[in-house]
N, C-alpha and C. Protein backbone atom coordinates (compact mmCIF):
# COMPACT_ATOMS: atom_id res chain seq x y z
N MET A 1 93.70 102.28 106.66
CA MET A 1 94.61 102.28 107.76
C MET A 1 94.44 101.35 108.83
N ARG A 2 95.38 100.38 108.86
CA ARG A 2 95.34 99.49 110.07
C ARG A 2 95.41 100.12 111.50
N PRO A 3 94.62 99.49 112.35
CA PRO A 3 94.66 100.24 113.74
C PRO A 3 95.92 100.47 114.35
N TRP A 4 96.85 99.41 114.19
CA TRP A 4 98.29 99.82 114.80
C TRP A 4 99.13 100.69 113.91
N SER A 5 98.71 101.12 112.72
CA SER A 5 99.65 101.94 111.86
C SER A 5 99.12 103.49 112.12
N GLY A 6 97.94 103.50 112.87
CA GLY A 6 97.36 105.01 113.05
C GLY A 6 98.23 105.91 114.06
N THR A 7 99.05 105.26 114.77
CA THR A 7 99.65 105.91 115.88
C THR A 7 100.53 107.33 115.32
N ARG A 8 100.95 107.19 114.15
CA ARG A 8 101.78 108.54 113.66
C ARG A 8 100.83 109.31 113.11
N ARG A 9 99.60 109.02 112.64
CA ARG A 9 98.62 109.85 112.17
C ARG A 9 98.08 110.54 113.38
N VAL A 10 97.76 109.96 114.59
CA VAL A 10 97.13 110.60 115.48
C VAL A 10 98.13 111.47 116.28
N GLN A 11 99.47 111.23 116.16
CA GLN A 11 100.51 112.21 116.77
C GLN A 11 100.63 113.34 115.85
N SER A 12 100.39 113.18 114.58
CA SER A 12 100.53 114.28 113.64
C SER A 12 99.29 115.30 113.79
N LEU A 13 97.98 114.73 114.10
CA LEU A 13 96.93 115.50 114.37
C LEU A 13 97.14 116.34 115.81
N ALA A 14 97.67 115.63 116.72
CA ALA A 14 98.07 116.11 118.16
C ALA A 14 99.14 117.52 117.70
N ARG A 15 99.93 117.35 116.98
CA ARG A 15 100.89 118.32 116.73
C ARG A 15 100.35 119.46 116.03
N TRP A 16 99.44 119.22 115.03
CA TRP A 16 98.63 120.30 114.30
C TRP A 16 97.75 121.09 115.22
N ILE A 17 97.06 120.29 116.18
CA ILE A 17 96.39 121.05 117.45
C ILE A 17 97.24 122.03 118.00
N ASP A 18 98.31 121.46 118.54
CA ASP A 18 99.22 122.28 119.27
C ASP A 18 99.86 123.45 118.47
N ALA A 19 100.35 123.18 117.21
CA ALA A 19 100.87 124.21 116.40
C ALA A 19 99.84 125.35 115.92
N ASN A 20 98.60 125.13 116.11
CA ASN A 20 97.61 126.10 115.76
C ASN A 20 96.81 126.74 116.98
N GLY A 21 97.55 126.64 118.06
CA GLY A 21 97.14 127.32 119.36
C GLY A 21 96.01 126.69 119.98
N HIS A 22 95.74 125.46 119.76
CA HIS A 22 94.55 124.70 120.50
C HIS A 22 95.27 123.76 121.47
N ARG A 23 94.35 123.26 122.19
CA ARG A 23 94.72 122.15 123.19
C ARG A 23 93.70 120.95 123.07
N SER A 24 94.14 119.64 123.13
CA SER A 24 93.14 118.75 123.35
C SER A 24 92.52 118.52 124.53
N THR A 25 91.13 118.13 124.34
CA THR A 25 90.40 118.25 125.50
C THR A 25 89.65 116.85 125.95
N GLY A 26 90.38 115.77 125.09
CA GLY A 26 89.72 114.52 125.36
C GLY A 26 90.70 113.54 124.60
N TYR A 27 90.24 112.30 124.52
CA TYR A 27 90.87 111.24 123.97
C TYR A 27 90.62 111.15 122.28
N PRO A 28 91.56 110.82 121.52
CA PRO A 28 91.36 110.68 120.20
C PRO A 28 90.66 109.31 119.93
N ARG A 29 90.01 109.32 118.88
CA ARG A 29 89.28 108.05 118.42
C ARG A 29 89.44 107.92 116.99
N GLU A 30 89.30 106.49 116.52
CA GLU A 30 89.37 106.22 115.12
C GLU A 30 88.01 105.76 114.58
N LEU A 31 87.48 106.33 113.67
CA LEU A 31 86.08 105.92 113.19
C LEU A 31 86.43 105.17 111.76
N TYR A 32 85.88 103.87 111.60
CA TYR A 32 86.18 103.13 110.43
C TYR A 32 84.99 103.41 109.45
N LEU A 33 85.20 104.10 108.62
CA LEU A 33 84.08 104.40 107.63
C LEU A 33 83.77 103.38 106.49
N GLU A 34 84.85 102.84 106.04
CA GLU A 34 84.91 101.66 104.98
C GLU A 34 85.67 100.60 105.35
N CYS A 35 85.52 99.33 105.44
CA CYS A 35 86.19 98.31 105.98
C CYS A 35 86.33 97.17 104.86
N PRO A 36 86.84 97.38 103.57
CA PRO A 36 86.85 96.24 102.66
C PRO A 36 87.64 95.18 103.17
N GLU A 37 87.68 93.96 102.44
CA GLU A 37 88.61 92.84 102.90
C GLU A 37 89.95 93.30 103.18
N ASN A 38 90.60 94.17 102.35
CA ASN A 38 91.92 94.30 102.30
C ASN A 38 91.99 95.56 103.46
N PRO A 39 92.70 95.49 104.52
CA PRO A 39 92.91 96.57 105.37
C PRO A 39 93.59 97.80 104.87
N ASP A 40 94.40 97.60 103.91
CA ASP A 40 95.13 98.76 103.24
C ASP A 40 94.09 99.66 102.51
N ASP A 41 92.88 99.21 102.32
CA ASP A 41 91.91 100.06 101.57
C ASP A 41 91.07 100.69 102.45
N TRP A 42 91.08 100.47 103.85
CA TRP A 42 90.12 100.98 104.72
C TRP A 42 90.09 102.62 104.80
N VAL A 43 88.97 103.21 104.96
CA VAL A 43 88.94 104.56 105.05
C VAL A 43 88.47 104.86 106.58
N THR A 44 89.56 105.63 107.07
CA THR A 44 89.31 105.79 108.54
C THR A 44 89.42 107.35 108.90
N GLU A 45 88.44 107.84 109.76
CA GLU A 45 88.37 109.20 110.10
C GLU A 45 88.92 109.35 111.51
N LEU A 46 89.90 110.21 111.83
CA LEU A 46 90.40 110.41 113.01
C LEU A 46 89.83 111.62 113.70
N GLN A 47 89.30 111.51 115.09
CA GLN A 47 88.60 112.46 115.82
C GLN A 47 89.27 112.79 117.00
N GLU A 48 89.47 113.99 117.28
CA GLU A 48 90.06 114.57 118.73
C GLU A 48 89.33 115.91 118.96
N PRO A 49 88.86 115.84 120.26
CA PRO A 49 88.15 117.05 120.71
C PRO A 49 89.34 118.02 121.00
N TYR A 50 89.04 119.40 120.64
CA TYR A 50 90.11 120.40 121.09
C TYR A 50 89.41 121.60 121.28
N ALA A 51 90.07 122.54 121.98
CA ALA A 51 89.52 123.85 122.29
C ALA A 51 90.51 124.96 121.96
């Protein structure tokens, strides 16, 4: 996932948090687990604290 393409994924995560009765308690972040030469093959973990 390219950094600029993650916006929809972060928004999806925020909607899931809201739909399941939680609320965000901080800023989301992206953790790049694997970054091969081709950005389309990157493995990215989205993290967002919630309560």
